[in-house]
Amino acid sequence: LSLALTYVGIIVLKPIVTSATLAS
């Protein structure tokens, strides 16, 4: 469960932090 949450968290957050990096 912890590993699955890690993978899902990374997949979900990567587009957000990429977008925040570019937009800022």
PDBML (XML) file of the C-alpha atoms, coordinates in Angstrom:
<?xml version="1.0" encoding="UTF-8" ?>
<PDBx:datablock datablockName="MODEL"
   xmlns:PDBx="http://pdbml.pdb.org/schema/pdbx-v50.xsd"
   xmlns:xsi="http://www.w3.org/2001/XMLSchema-instance"
   xsi:schemaLocation="http://pdbml.pdb.org/schema/pdbx-v50.xsd pdbx-v50.xsd">
   <PDBx:atom_siteCategory>
      <PDBx:atom_site id="1">
         <PDBx:B_iso_or_equiv>0.00</PDBx:B_iso_or_equiv>
         <PDBx:Cartn_x>0.000</PDBx:Cartn_x>
         <PDBx:Cartn_y>0.000</PDBx:Cartn_y>
         <PDBx:Cartn_z>0.000</PDBx:Cartn_z>
         <PDBx:auth_asym_id>A</PDBx:auth_asym_id>
         <PDBx:auth_atom_id>CA</PDBx:auth_atom_id>
         <PDBx:auth_comp_id>LEU</PDBx:auth_comp_id>
         <PDBx:auth_seq_id>1</PDBx:auth_seq_id>
         <PDBx:group_PDB>ATOM</PDBx:group_PDB>
         <PDBx:label_alt_id xsi:nil="true" />
         <PDBx:label_asym_id>A</PDBx:label_asym_id>
         <PDBx:label_atom_id>CA</PDBx:label_atom_id>
         <PDBx:label_comp_id>LEU</PDBx:label_comp_id>
         <PDBx:label_entity_id>1</PDBx:label_entity_id>
         <PDBx:label_seq_id>1</PDBx:label_seq_id>
         <PDBx:occupancy>1.00</PDBx:occupancy>
         <PDBx:pdbx_PDB_model_num>1</PDBx:pdbx_PDB_model_num>
         <PDBx:type_symbol>C</PDBx:type_symbol>
      </PDBx:atom_site>
      <PDBx:atom_site id="2">
         <PDBx:B_iso_or_equiv>0.00</PDBx:B_iso_or_equiv>
         <PDBx:Cartn_x>2.765</PDBx:Cartn_x>
         <PDBx:Cartn_y>2.468</PDBx:Cartn_y>
         <PDBx:Cartn_z>0.912</PDBx:Cartn_z>
         <PDBx:auth_asym_id>A</PDBx:auth_asym_id>
         <PDBx:auth_atom_id>CA</PDBx:auth_atom_id>
         <PDBx:auth_comp_id>SER</PDBx:auth_comp_id>
         <PDBx:auth_seq_id>2</PDBx:auth_seq_id>
         <PDBx:group_PDB>ATOM</PDBx:group_PDB>
         <PDBx:label_alt_id xsi:nil="true" />
         <PDBx:label_asym_id>A</PDBx:label_asym_id>
         <PDBx:label_atom_id>CA</PDBx:label_atom_id>
         <PDBx:label_comp_id>SER</PDBx:label_comp_id>
         <PDBx:label_entity_id>1</PDBx:label_entity_id>
         <PDBx:label_seq_id>2</PDBx:label_seq_id>
         <PDBx:occupancy>1.00</PDBx:occupancy>
         <PDBx:pdbx_PDB_model_num>1</PDBx:pdbx_PDB_model_num>
         <PDBx:type_symbol>C</PDBx:type_symbol>
      </PDBx:atom_site>
      <PDBx:atom_site id="3">
         <PDBx:B_iso_or_equiv>0.00</PDBx:B_iso_or_equiv>
         <PDBx:Cartn_x>4.640</PDBx:Cartn_x>
         <PDBx:Cartn_y>1.727</PDBx:Cartn_y>
         <PDBx:Cartn_z>-2.314</PDBx:Cartn_z>
         <PDBx:auth_asym_id>A</PDBx:auth_asym_id>
         <PDBx:auth_atom_id>CA</PDBx:auth_atom_id>
         <PDBx:auth_comp_id>LEU</PDBx:auth_comp_id>
         <PDBx:auth_seq_id>3</PDBx:auth_seq_id>
         <PDBx:group_PDB>ATOM</PDBx:group_PDB>
         <PDBx:label_alt_id xsi:nil="true" />
         <PDBx:label_asym_id>A</PDBx:label_asym_id>
         <PDBx:label_atom_id>CA</PDBx:label_atom_id>
         <PDBx:label_comp_id>LEU</PDBx:label_comp_id>
         <PDBx:label_entity_id>1</PDBx:label_entity_id>
         <PDBx:label_seq_id>3</PDBx:label_seq_id>
         <PDBx:occupancy>1.00</PDBx:occupancy>
         <PDBx:pdbx_PDB_model_num>1</PDBx:pdbx_PDB_model_num>
         <PDBx:type_symbol>C</PDBx:type_symbol>
      </PDBx:atom_site>
      <PDBx:atom_site id="4">
         <PDBx:B_iso_or_equiv>0.00</PDBx:B_iso_or_equiv>
         <PDBx:Cartn_x>1.475</PDBx:Cartn_x>
         <PDBx:Cartn_y>2.116</PDBx:Cartn_y>
         <PDBx:Cartn_z>-4.388</PDBx:Cartn_z>
         <PDBx:auth_asym_id>A</PDBx:auth_asym_id>
         <PDBx:auth_atom_id>CA</PDBx:auth_atom_id>
         <PDBx:auth_comp_id>ALA</PDBx:auth_comp_id>
         <PDBx:auth_seq_id>4</PDBx:auth_seq_id>
         <PDBx:group_PDB>ATOM</PDBx:group_PDB>
         <PDBx:label_alt_id xsi:nil="true" />
         <PDBx:label_asym_id>A</PDBx:label_asym_id>
         <PDBx:label_atom_id>CA</PDBx:label_atom_id>
         <PDBx:label_comp_id>ALA</PDBx:label_comp_id>
         <PDBx:label_entity_id>1</PDBx:label_entity_id>
         <PDBx:label_seq_id>4</PDBx:label_seq_id>
         <PDBx:occupancy>1.00</PDBx:occupancy>
         <PDBx:pdbx_PDB_model_num>1</PDBx:pdbx_PDB_model_num>
         <PDBx:type_symbol>C</PDBx:type_symbol>
      </PDBx:atom_site>
      <PDBx:atom_site id="5">
         <PDBx:B_iso_or_equiv>0.00</PDBx:B_iso_or_equiv>
         <PDBx:Cartn_x>0.710</PDBx:Cartn_x>
         <PDBx:Cartn_y>5.445</PDBx:Cartn_y>
         <PDBx:Cartn_z>-2.710</PDBx:Cartn_z>
         <PDBx:auth_asym_id>A</PDBx:auth_asym_id>
         <PDBx:auth_atom_id>CA</PDBx:auth_atom_id>
         <PDBx:auth_comp_id>LEU</PDBx:auth_comp_id>
         <PDBx:auth_seq_id>5</PDBx:auth_seq_id>
         <PDBx:group_PDB>ATOM</PDBx:group_PDB>
         <PDBx:label_alt_id xsi:nil="true" />
         <PDBx:label_asym_id>A</PDBx:label_asym_id>
         <PDBx:label_atom_id>CA</PDBx:label_atom_id>
         <PDBx:label_comp_id>LEU</PDBx:label_comp_id>
         <PDBx:label_entity_id>1</PDBx:label_entity_id>
         <PDBx:label_seq_id>5</PDBx:label_seq_id>
         <PDBx:occupancy>1.00</PDBx:occupancy>
         <PDBx:pdbx_PDB_model_num>1</PDBx:pdbx_PDB_model_num>
         <PDBx:type_symbol>C</PDBx:type_symbol>
      </PDBx:atom_site>
      <PDBx:atom_site id="6">
         <PDBx:B_iso_or_equiv>0.00</PDBx:B_iso_or_equiv>
         <PDBx:Cartn_x>4.255</PDBx:Cartn_x>
         <PDBx:Cartn_y>6.599</PDBx:Cartn_y>
         <PDBx:Cartn_z>-3.443</PDBx:Cartn_z>
         <PDBx:auth_asym_id>A</PDBx:auth_asym_id>
         <PDBx:auth_atom_id>CA</PDBx:auth_atom_id>
         <PDBx:auth_comp_id>THR</PDBx:auth_comp_id>
         <PDBx:auth_seq_id>6</PDBx:auth_seq_id>
         <PDBx:group_PDB>ATOM</PDBx:group_PDB>
         <PDBx:label_alt_id xsi:nil="true" />
         <PDBx:label_asym_id>A</PDBx:label_asym_id>
         <PDBx:label_atom_id>CA</PDBx:label_atom_id>
         <PDBx:label_comp_id>THR</PDBx:label_comp_id>
         <PDBx:label_entity_id>1</PDBx:label_entity_id>
         <PDBx:label_seq_id>6</PDBx:label_seq_id>
         <PDBx:occupancy>1.00</PDBx:occupancy>
         <PDBx:pdbx_PDB_model_num>1</PDBx:pdbx_PDB_model_num>
         <PDBx:type_symbol>C</PDBx:type_symbol>
      </PDBx:atom_site>
      <PDBx:atom_site id="7">
         <PDBx:B_iso_or_equiv>0.00</PDBx:B_iso_or_equiv>
         <PDBx:Cartn_x>3.966</PDBx:Cartn_x>
         <PDBx:Cartn_y>5.744</PDBx:Cartn_y>
         <PDBx:Cartn_z>-7.147</PDBx:Cartn_z>
         <PDBx:auth_asym_id>A</PDBx:auth_asym_id>
         <PDBx:auth_atom_id>CA</PDBx:auth_atom_id>
         <PDBx:auth_comp_id>TYR</PDBx:auth_comp_id>
         <PDBx:auth_seq_id>7</PDBx:auth_seq_id>
         <PDBx:group_PDB>ATOM</PDBx:group_PDB>
         <PDBx:label_alt_id xsi:nil="true" />
         <PDBx:label_asym_id>A</PDBx:label_asym_id>
         <PDBx:label_atom_id>CA</PDBx:label_atom_id>
         <PDBx:label_comp_id>TYR</PDBx:label_comp_id>
         <PDBx:label_entity_id>1</PDBx:label_entity_id>
         <PDBx:label_seq_id>7</PDBx:label_seq_id>
         <PDBx:occupancy>1.00</PDBx:occupancy>
         <PDBx:pdbx_PDB_model_num>1</PDBx:pdbx_PDB_model_num>
         <PDBx:type_symbol>C</PDBx:type_symbol>
      </PDBx:atom_site>
      <PDBx:atom_site id="8">
         <PDBx:B_iso_or_equiv>0.00</PDBx:B_iso_or_equiv>
         <PDBx:Cartn_x>0.508</PDBx:Cartn_x>
         <PDBx:Cartn_y>7.311</PDBx:Cartn_y>
         <PDBx:Cartn_z>-7.438</PDBx:Cartn_z>
         <PDBx:auth_asym_id>A</PDBx:auth_asym_id>
         <PDBx:auth_atom_id>CA</PDBx:auth_atom_id>
         <PDBx:auth_comp_id>VAL</PDBx:auth_comp_id>
         <PDBx:auth_seq_id>8</PDBx:auth_seq_id>
         <PDBx:group_PDB>ATOM</PDBx:group_PDB>
         <PDBx:label_alt_id xsi:nil="true" />
         <PDBx:label_asym_id>A</PDBx:label_asym_id>
         <PDBx:label_atom_id>CA</PDBx:label_atom_id>
         <PDBx:label_comp_id>VAL</PDBx:label_comp_id>
         <PDBx:label_entity_id>1</PDBx:label_entity_id>
         <PDBx:label_seq_id>8</PDBx:label_seq_id>
         <PDBx:occupancy>1.00</PDBx:occupancy>
         <PDBx:pdbx_PDB_model_num>1</PDBx:pdbx_PDB_model_num>
         <PDBx:type_symbol>C</PDBx:type_symbol>
      </PDBx:atom_site>
      <PDBx:atom_site id="9">
         <PDBx:B_iso_or_equiv>0.00</PDBx:B_iso_or_equiv>
         <PDBx:Cartn_x>1.631</PDBx:Cartn_x>
         <PDBx:Cartn_y>10.410</PDBx:Cartn_y>
         <PDBx:Cartn_z>-5.537</PDBx:Cartn_z>
         <PDBx:auth_asym_id>A</PDBx:auth_asym_id>
         <PDBx:auth_atom_id>CA</PDBx:auth_atom_id>
         <PDBx:auth_comp_id>GLY</PDBx:auth_comp_id>
         <PDBx:auth_seq_id>9</PDBx:auth_seq_id>
         <PDBx:group_PDB>ATOM</PDBx:group_PDB>
         <PDBx:label_alt_id xsi:nil="true" />
         <PDBx:label_asym_id>A</PDBx:label_asym_id>
         <PDBx:label_atom_id>CA</PDBx:label_atom_id>
         <PDBx:label_comp_id>GLY</PDBx:label_comp_id>
         <PDBx:label_entity_id>1</PDBx:label_entity_id>
         <PDBx:label_seq_id>9</PDBx:label_seq_id>
         <PDBx:occupancy>1.00</PDBx:occupancy>
         <PDBx:pdbx_PDB_model_num>1</PDBx:pdbx_PDB_model_num>
         <PDBx:type_symbol>C</PDBx:type_symbol>
      </PDBx:atom_site>
      <PDBx:atom_site id="10">
         <PDBx:B_iso_or_equiv>0.00</PDBx:B_iso_or_equiv>
         <PDBx:Cartn_x>4.628</PDBx:Cartn_x>
         <PDBx:Cartn_y>10.868</PDBx:Cartn_y>
         <PDBx:Cartn_z>-7.852</PDBx:Cartn_z>
         <PDBx:auth_asym_id>A</PDBx:auth_asym_id>
         <PDBx:auth_atom_id>CA</PDBx:auth_atom_id>
         <PDBx:auth_comp_id>ILE</PDBx:auth_comp_id>
         <PDBx:auth_seq_id>10</PDBx:auth_seq_id>
         <PDBx:group_PDB>ATOM</PDBx:group_PDB>
         <PDBx:label_alt_id xsi:nil="true" />
         <PDBx:label_asym_id>A</PDBx:label_asym_id>
         <PDBx:label_atom_id>CA</PDBx:label_atom_id>
         <PDBx:label_comp_id>ILE</PDBx:label_comp_id>
         <PDBx:label_entity_id>1</PDBx:label_entity_id>
         <PDBx:label_seq_id>10</PDBx:label_seq_id>
         <PDBx:occupancy>1.00</PDBx:occupancy>
         <PDBx:pdbx_PDB_model_num>1</PDBx:pdbx_PDB_model_num>
         <PDBx:type_symbol>C</PDBx:type_symbol>
      </PDBx:atom_site>
      <PDBx:atom_site id="11">
         <PDBx:B_iso_or_equiv>0.00</PDBx:B_iso_or_equiv>
         <PDBx:Cartn_x>2.521</PDBx:Cartn_x>
         <PDBx:Cartn_y>10.367</PDBx:Cartn_y>
         <PDBx:Cartn_z>-11.001</PDBx:Cartn_z>
         <PDBx:auth_asym_id>A</PDBx:auth_asym_id>
         <PDBx:auth_atom_id>CA</PDBx:auth_atom_id>
         <PDBx:auth_comp_id>ILE</PDBx:auth_comp_id>
         <PDBx:auth_seq_id>11</PDBx:auth_seq_id>
         <PDBx:group_PDB>ATOM</PDBx:group_PDB>
         <PDBx:label_alt_id xsi:nil="true" />
         <PDBx:label_asym_id>A</PDBx:label_asym_id>
         <PDBx:label_atom_id>CA</PDBx:label_atom_id>
         <PDBx:label_comp_id>ILE</PDBx:label_comp_id>
         <PDBx:label_entity_id>1</PDBx:label_entity_id>
         <PDBx:label_seq_id>11</PDBx:label_seq_id>
         <PDBx:occupancy>1.00</PDBx:occupancy>
         <PDBx:pdbx_PDB_model_num>1</PDBx:pdbx_PDB_model_num>
         <PDBx:type_symbol>C</PDBx:type_symbol>
      </PDBx:atom_site>
      <PDBx:atom_site id="12">
         <PDBx:B_iso_or_equiv>0.00</PDBx:B_iso_or_equiv>
         <PDBx:Cartn_x>-0.156</PDBx:Cartn_x>
         <PDBx:Cartn_y>12.810</PDBx:Cartn_y>
         <PDBx:Cartn_z>-9.812</PDBx:Cartn_z>
         <PDBx:auth_asym_id>A</PDBx:auth_asym_id>
         <PDBx:auth_atom_id>CA</PDBx:auth_atom_id>
         <PDBx:auth_comp_id>VAL</PDBx:auth_comp_id>
         <PDBx:auth_seq_id>12</PDBx:auth_seq_id>
         <PDBx:group_PDB>ATOM</PDBx:group_PDB>
         <PDBx:label_alt_id xsi:nil="true" />
         <PDBx:label_asym_id>A</PDBx:label_asym_id>
         <PDBx:label_atom_id>CA</PDBx:label_atom_id>
         <PDBx:label_comp_id>VAL</PDBx:label_comp_id>
         <PDBx:label_entity_id>1</PDBx:label_entity_id>
         <PDBx:label_seq_id>12</PDBx:label_seq_id>
         <PDBx:occupancy>1.00</PDBx:occupancy>
         <PDBx:pdbx_PDB_model_num>1</PDBx:pdbx_PDB_model_num>
         <PDBx:type_symbol>C</PDBx:type_symbol>
      </PDBx:atom_site>
      <PDBx:atom_site id="13">
         <PDBx:B_iso_or_equiv>0.00</PDBx:B_iso_or_equiv>
         <PDBx:Cartn_x>2.213</PDBx:Cartn_x>
         <PDBx:Cartn_y>15.472</PDBx:Cartn_y>
         <PDBx:Cartn_z>-8.476</PDBx:Cartn_z>
         <PDBx:auth_asym_id>A</PDBx:auth_asym_id>
         <PDBx:auth_atom_id>CA</PDBx:auth_atom_id>
         <PDBx:auth_comp_id>LEU</PDBx:auth_comp_id>
         <PDBx:auth_seq_id>13</PDBx:auth_seq_id>
         <PDBx:group_PDB>ATOM</PDBx:group_PDB>
         <PDBx:label_alt_id xsi:nil="true" />
         <PDBx:label_asym_id>A</PDBx:label_asym_id>
         <PDBx:label_atom_id>CA</PDBx:label_atom_id>
         <PDBx:label_comp_id>LEU</PDBx:label_comp_id>
         <PDBx:label_entity_id>1</PDBx:label_entity_id>
         <PDBx:label_seq_id>13</PDBx:label_seq_id>
         <PDBx:occupancy>1.00</PDBx:occupancy>
         <PDBx:pdbx_PDB_model_num>1</PDBx:pdbx_PDB_model_num>
         <PDBx:type_symbol>C</PDBx:type_symbol>
      </PDBx:atom_site>
      <PDBx:atom_site id="14">
         <PDBx:B_iso_or_equiv>0.00</PDBx:B_iso_or_equiv>
         <PDBx:Cartn_x>4.783</PDBx:Cartn_x>
         <PDBx:Cartn_y>15.518</PDBx:Cartn_y>
         <PDBx:Cartn_z>-11.281</PDBx:Cartn_z>
         <PDBx:auth_asym_id>A</PDBx:auth_asym_id>
         <PDBx:auth_atom_id>CA</PDBx:auth_atom_id>
         <PDBx:auth_comp_id>LYS</PDBx:auth_comp_id>
         <PDBx:auth_seq_id>14</PDBx:auth_seq_id>
         <PDBx:group_PDB>ATOM</PDBx:group_PDB>
         <PDBx:label_alt_id xsi:nil="true" />
         <PDBx:label_asym_id>A</PDBx:label_asym_id>
         <PDBx:label_atom_id>CA</PDBx:label_atom_id>
         <PDBx:label_comp_id>LYS</PDBx:label_comp_id>
         <PDBx:label_entity_id>1</PDBx:label_entity_id>
         <PDBx:label_seq_id>14</PDBx:label_seq_id>
         <PDBx:occupancy>1.00</PDBx:occupancy>
         <PDBx:pdbx_PDB_model_num>1</PDBx:pdbx_PDB_model_num>
         <PDBx:type_symbol>C</PDBx:type_symbol>
      </PDBx:atom_site>
      <PDBx:atom_site id="15">
         <PDBx:B_iso_or_equiv>0.00</PDBx:B_iso_or_equiv>
         <PDBx:Cartn_x>2.525</PDBx:Cartn_x>
         <PDBx:Cartn_y>17.404</PDBx:Cartn_y>
         <PDBx:Cartn_z>-13.767</PDBx:Cartn_z>
         <PDBx:auth_asym_id>A</PDBx:auth_asym_id>
         <PDBx:auth_atom_id>CA</PDBx:auth_atom_id>
         <PDBx:auth_comp_id>PRO</PDBx:auth_comp_id>
         <PDBx:auth_seq_id>15</PDBx:auth_seq_id>
         <PDBx:group_PDB>ATOM</PDBx:group_PDB>
         <PDBx:label_alt_id xsi:nil="true" />
         <PDBx:label_asym_id>A</PDBx:label_asym_id>
         <PDBx:label_atom_id>CA</PDBx:label_atom_id>
         <PDBx:label_comp_id>PRO</PDBx:label_comp_id>
         <PDBx:label_entity_id>1</PDBx:label_entity_id>
         <PDBx:label_seq_id>15</PDBx:label_seq_id>
         <PDBx:occupancy>1.00</PDBx:occupancy>
         <PDBx:pdbx_PDB_model_num>1</PDBx:pdbx_PDB_model_num>
         <PDBx:type_symbol>C</PDBx:type_symbol>
      </PDBx:atom_site>
      <PDBx:atom_site id="16">
         <PDBx:B_iso_or_equiv>0.00</PDBx:B_iso_or_equiv>
         <PDBx:Cartn_x>1.603</PDBx:Cartn_x>
         <PDBx:Cartn_y>19.873</PDBx:Cartn_y>
         <PDBx:Cartn_z>-11.018</PDBx:Cartn_z>
         <PDBx:auth_asym_id>A</PDBx:auth_asym_id>
         <PDBx:auth_atom_id>CA</PDBx:auth_atom_id>
         <PDBx:auth_comp_id>ILE</PDBx:auth_comp_id>
         <PDBx:auth_seq_id>16</PDBx:auth_seq_id>
         <PDBx:group_PDB>ATOM</PDBx:group_PDB>
         <PDBx:label_alt_id xsi:nil="true" />
         <PDBx:label_asym_id>A</PDBx:label_asym_id>
         <PDBx:label_atom_id>CA</PDBx:label_atom_id>
         <PDBx:label_comp_id>ILE</PDBx:label_comp_id>
         <PDBx:label_entity_id>1</PDBx:label_entity_id>
         <PDBx:label_seq_id>16</PDBx:label_seq_id>
         <PDBx:occupancy>1.00</PDBx:occupancy>
         <PDBx:pdbx_PDB_model_num>1</PDBx:pdbx_PDB_model_num>
         <PDBx:type_symbol>C</PDBx:type_symbol>
      </PDBx:atom_site>
      <PDBx:atom_site id="17">
         <PDBx:B_iso_or_equiv>0.00</PDBx:B_iso_or_equiv>
         <PDBx:Cartn_x>5.175</PDBx:Cartn_x>
         <PDBx:Cartn_y>20.698</PDBx:Cartn_y>
         <PDBx:Cartn_z>-9.984</PDBx:Cartn_z>
         <PDBx:auth_asym_id>A</PDBx:auth_asym_id>
         <PDBx:auth_atom_id>CA</PDBx:auth_atom_id>
         <PDBx:auth_comp_id>VAL</PDBx:auth_comp_id>
         <PDBx:auth_seq_id>17</PDBx:auth_seq_id>
         <PDBx:group_PDB>ATOM</PDBx:group_PDB>
         <PDBx:label_alt_id xsi:nil="true" />
         <PDBx:label_asym_id>A</PDBx:label_asym_id>
         <PDBx:label_atom_id>CA</PDBx:label_atom_id>
         <PDBx:label_comp_id>VAL</PDBx:label_comp_id>
         <PDBx:label_entity_id>1</PDBx:label_entity_id>
         <PDBx:label_seq_id>17</PDBx:label_seq_id>
         <PDBx:occupancy>1.00</PDBx:occupancy>
         <PDBx:pdbx_PDB_model_num>1</PDBx:pdbx_PDB_model_num>
         <PDBx:type_symbol>C</PDBx:type_symbol>
      </PDBx:atom_site>
      <PDBx:atom_site id="18">
         <PDBx:B_iso_or_equiv>0.00</PDBx:B_iso_or_equiv>
         <PDBx:Cartn_x>6.288</PDBx:Cartn_x>
         <PDBx:Cartn_y>20.825</PDBx:Cartn_y>
         <PDBx:Cartn_z>-13.627</PDBx:Cartn_z>
         <PDBx:auth_asym_id>A</PDBx:auth_asym_id>
         <PDBx:auth_atom_id>CA</PDBx:auth_atom_id>
         <PDBx:auth_comp_id>THR</PDBx:auth_comp_id>
         <PDBx:auth_seq_id>18</PDBx:auth_seq_id>
         <PDBx:group_PDB>ATOM</PDBx:group_PDB>
         <PDBx:label_alt_id xsi:nil="true" />
         <PDBx:label_asym_id>A</PDBx:label_asym_id>
         <PDBx:label_atom_id>CA</PDBx:label_atom_id>
         <PDBx:label_comp_id>THR</PDBx:label_comp_id>
         <PDBx:label_entity_id>1</PDBx:label_entity_id>
         <PDBx:label_seq_id>18</PDBx:label_seq_id>
         <PDBx:occupancy>1.00</PDBx:occupancy>
         <PDBx:pdbx_PDB_model_num>1</PDBx:pdbx_PDB_model_num>
         <PDBx:type_symbol>C</PDBx:type_symbol>
      </PDBx:atom_site>
      <PDBx:atom_site id="19">
         <PDBx:B_iso_or_equiv>0.00</PDBx:B_iso_or_equiv>
         <PDBx:Cartn_x>3.483</PDBx:Cartn_x>
         <PDBx:Cartn_y>23.258</PDBx:Cartn_y>
         <PDBx:Cartn_z>-14.411</PDBx:Cartn_z>
         <PDBx:auth_asym_id>A</PDBx:auth_asym_id>
         <PDBx:auth_atom_id>CA</PDBx:auth_atom_id>
         <PDBx:auth_comp_id>SER</PDBx:auth_comp_id>
         <PDBx:auth_seq_id>19</PDBx:auth_seq_id>
         <PDBx:group_PDB>ATOM</PDBx:group_PDB>
         <PDBx:label_alt_id xsi:nil="true" />
         <PDBx:label_asym_id>A</PDBx:label_asym_id>
         <PDBx:label_atom_id>CA</PDBx:label_atom_id>
         <PDBx:label_comp_id>SER</PDBx:label_comp_id>
         <PDBx:label_entity_id>1</PDBx:label_entity_id>
         <PDBx:label_seq_id>19</PDBx:label_seq_id>
         <PDBx:occupancy>1.00</PDBx:occupancy>
         <PDBx:pdbx_PDB_model_num>1</PDBx:pdbx_PDB_model_num>
         <PDBx:type_symbol>C</PDBx:type_symbol>
      </PDBx:atom_site>
      <PDBx:atom_site id="20">
         <PDBx:B_iso_or_equiv>0.00</PDBx:B_iso_or_equiv>
         <PDBx:Cartn_x>4.227</PDBx:Cartn_x>
         <PDBx:Cartn_y>25.367</PDBx:Cartn_y>
         <PDBx:Cartn_z>-11.331</PDBx:Cartn_z>
         <PDBx:auth_asym_id>A</PDBx:auth_asym_id>
         <PDBx:auth_atom_id>CA</PDBx:auth_atom_id>
         <PDBx:auth_comp_id>ALA</PDBx:auth_comp_id>
         <PDBx:auth_seq_id>20</PDBx:auth_seq_id>
         <PDBx:group_PDB>ATOM</PDBx:group_PDB>
         <PDBx:label_alt_id xsi:nil="true" />
         <PDBx:label_asym_id>A</PDBx:label_asym_id>
         <PDBx:label_atom_id>CA</PDBx:label_atom_id>
         <PDBx:label_comp_id>ALA</PDBx:label_comp_id>
         <PDBx:label_entity_id>1</PDBx:label_entity_id>
         <PDBx:label_seq_id>20</PDBx:label_seq_id>
         <PDBx:occupancy>1.00</PDBx:occupancy>
         <PDBx:pdbx_PDB_model_num>1</PDBx:pdbx_PDB_model_num>
         <PDBx:type_symbol>C</PDBx:type_symbol>
      </PDBx:atom_site>
      <PDBx:atom_site id="21">
         <PDBx:B_iso_or_equiv>0.00</PDBx:B_iso_or_equiv>
         <PDBx:Cartn_x>7.905</PDBx:Cartn_x>
         <PDBx:Cartn_y>25.510</PDBx:Cartn_y>
         <PDBx:Cartn_z>-12.306</PDBx:Cartn_z>
         <PDBx:auth_asym_id>A</PDBx:auth_asym_id>
         <PDBx:auth_atom_id>CA</PDBx:auth_atom_id>
         <PDBx:auth_comp_id>THR</PDBx:auth_comp_id>
         <PDBx:auth_seq_id>21</PDBx:auth_seq_id>
         <PDBx:group_PDB>ATOM</PDBx:group_PDB>
         <PDBx:label_alt_id xsi:nil="true" />
         <PDBx:label_asym_id>A</PDBx:label_asym_id>
         <PDBx:label_atom_id>CA</PDBx:label_atom_id>
         <PDBx:label_comp_id>THR</PDBx:label_comp_id>
         <PDBx:label_entity_id>1</PDBx:label_entity_id>
         <PDBx:label_seq_id>21</PDBx:label_seq_id>
         <PDBx:occupancy>1.00</PDBx:occupancy>
         <PDBx:pdbx_PDB_model_num>1</PDBx:pdbx_PDB_model_num>
         <PDBx:type_symbol>C</PDBx:type_symbol>
      </PDBx:atom_site>
      <PDBx:atom_site id="22">
         <PDBx:B_iso_or_equiv>0.00</PDBx:B_iso_or_equiv>
         <PDBx:Cartn_x>7.137</PDBx:Cartn_x>
         <PDBx:Cartn_y>26.720</PDBx:Cartn_y>
         <PDBx:Cartn_z>-15.818</PDBx:Cartn_z>
         <PDBx:auth_asym_id>A</PDBx:auth_asym_id>
         <PDBx:auth_atom_id>CA</PDBx:auth_atom_id>
         <PDBx:auth_comp_id>LEU</PDBx:auth_comp_id>
         <PDBx:auth_seq_id>22</PDBx:auth_seq_id>
         <PDBx:group_PDB>ATOM</PDBx:group_PDB>
         <PDBx:label_alt_id xsi:nil="true" />
         <PDBx:label_asym_id>A</PDBx:label_asym_id>
         <PDBx:label_atom_id>CA</PDBx:label_atom_id>
         <PDBx:label_comp_id>LEU</PDBx:label_comp_id>
         <PDBx:label_entity_id>1</PDBx:label_entity_id>
         <PDBx:label_seq_id>22</PDBx:label_seq_id>
         <PDBx:occupancy>1.00</PDBx:occupancy>
         <PDBx:pdbx_PDB_model_num>1</PDBx:pdbx_PDB_model_num>
         <PDBx:type_symbol>C</PDBx:type_symbol>
      </PDBx:atom_site>
      <PDBx:atom_site id="23">
         <PDBx:B_iso_or_equiv>0.00</PDBx:B_iso_or_equiv>
         <PDBx:Cartn_x>4.351</PDBx:Cartn_x>
         <PDBx:Cartn_y>29.124</PDBx:Cartn_y>
         <PDBx:Cartn_z>-14.804</PDBx:Cartn_z>
         <PDBx:auth_asym_id>A</PDBx:auth_asym_id>
         <PDBx:auth_atom_id>CA</PDBx:auth_atom_id>
         <PDBx:auth_comp_id>ALA</PDBx:auth_comp_id>
         <PDBx:auth_seq_id>23</PDBx:auth_seq_id>
         <PDBx:group_PDB>ATOM</PDBx:group_PDB>
         <PDBx:label_alt_id xsi:nil="true" />
         <PDBx:label_asym_id>A</PDBx:label_asym_id>
         <PDBx:label_atom_id>CA</PDBx:label_atom_id>
         <PDBx:label_comp_id>ALA</PDBx:label_comp_id>
         <PDBx:label_entity_id>1</PDBx:label_entity_id>
         <PDBx:label_seq_id>23</PDBx:label_seq_id>
         <PDBx:occupancy>1.00</PDBx:occupancy>
         <PDBx:pdbx_PDB_model_num>1</PDBx:pdbx_PDB_model_num>
         <PDBx:type_symbol>C</PDBx:type_symbol>
      </PDBx:atom_site>
      <PDBx:atom_site id="24">
         <PDBx:B_iso_or_equiv>0.00</PDBx:B_iso_or_equiv>
         <PDBx:Cartn_x>6.502</PDBx:Cartn_x>
         <PDBx:Cartn_y>30.801</PDBx:Cartn_y>
         <PDBx:Cartn_z>-12.156</PDBx:Cartn_z>
         <PDBx:auth_asym_id>A</PDBx:auth_asym_id>
         <PDBx:auth_atom_id>CA</PDBx:auth_atom_id>
         <PDBx:auth_comp_id>SER</PDBx:auth_comp_id>
         <PDBx:auth_seq_id>24</PDBx:auth_seq_id>
         <PDBx:group_PDB>ATOM</PDBx:group_PDB>
         <PDBx:label_alt_id xsi:nil="true" />
         <PDBx:label_asym_id>A</PDBx:label_asym_id>
         <PDBx:label_atom_id>CA</PDBx:label_atom_id>
         <PDBx:label_comp_id>SER</PDBx:label_comp_id>
         <PDBx:label_entity_id>1</PDBx:label_entity_id>
         <PDBx:label_seq_id>24</PDBx:label_seq_id>
         <PDBx:occupancy>1.00</PDBx:occupancy>
         <PDBx:pdbx_PDB_model_num>1</PDBx:pdbx_PDB_model_num>
         <PDBx:type_symbol>C</PDBx:type_symbol>
      </PDBx:atom_site>
   </PDBx:atom_siteCategory>
</PDBx:datablock>
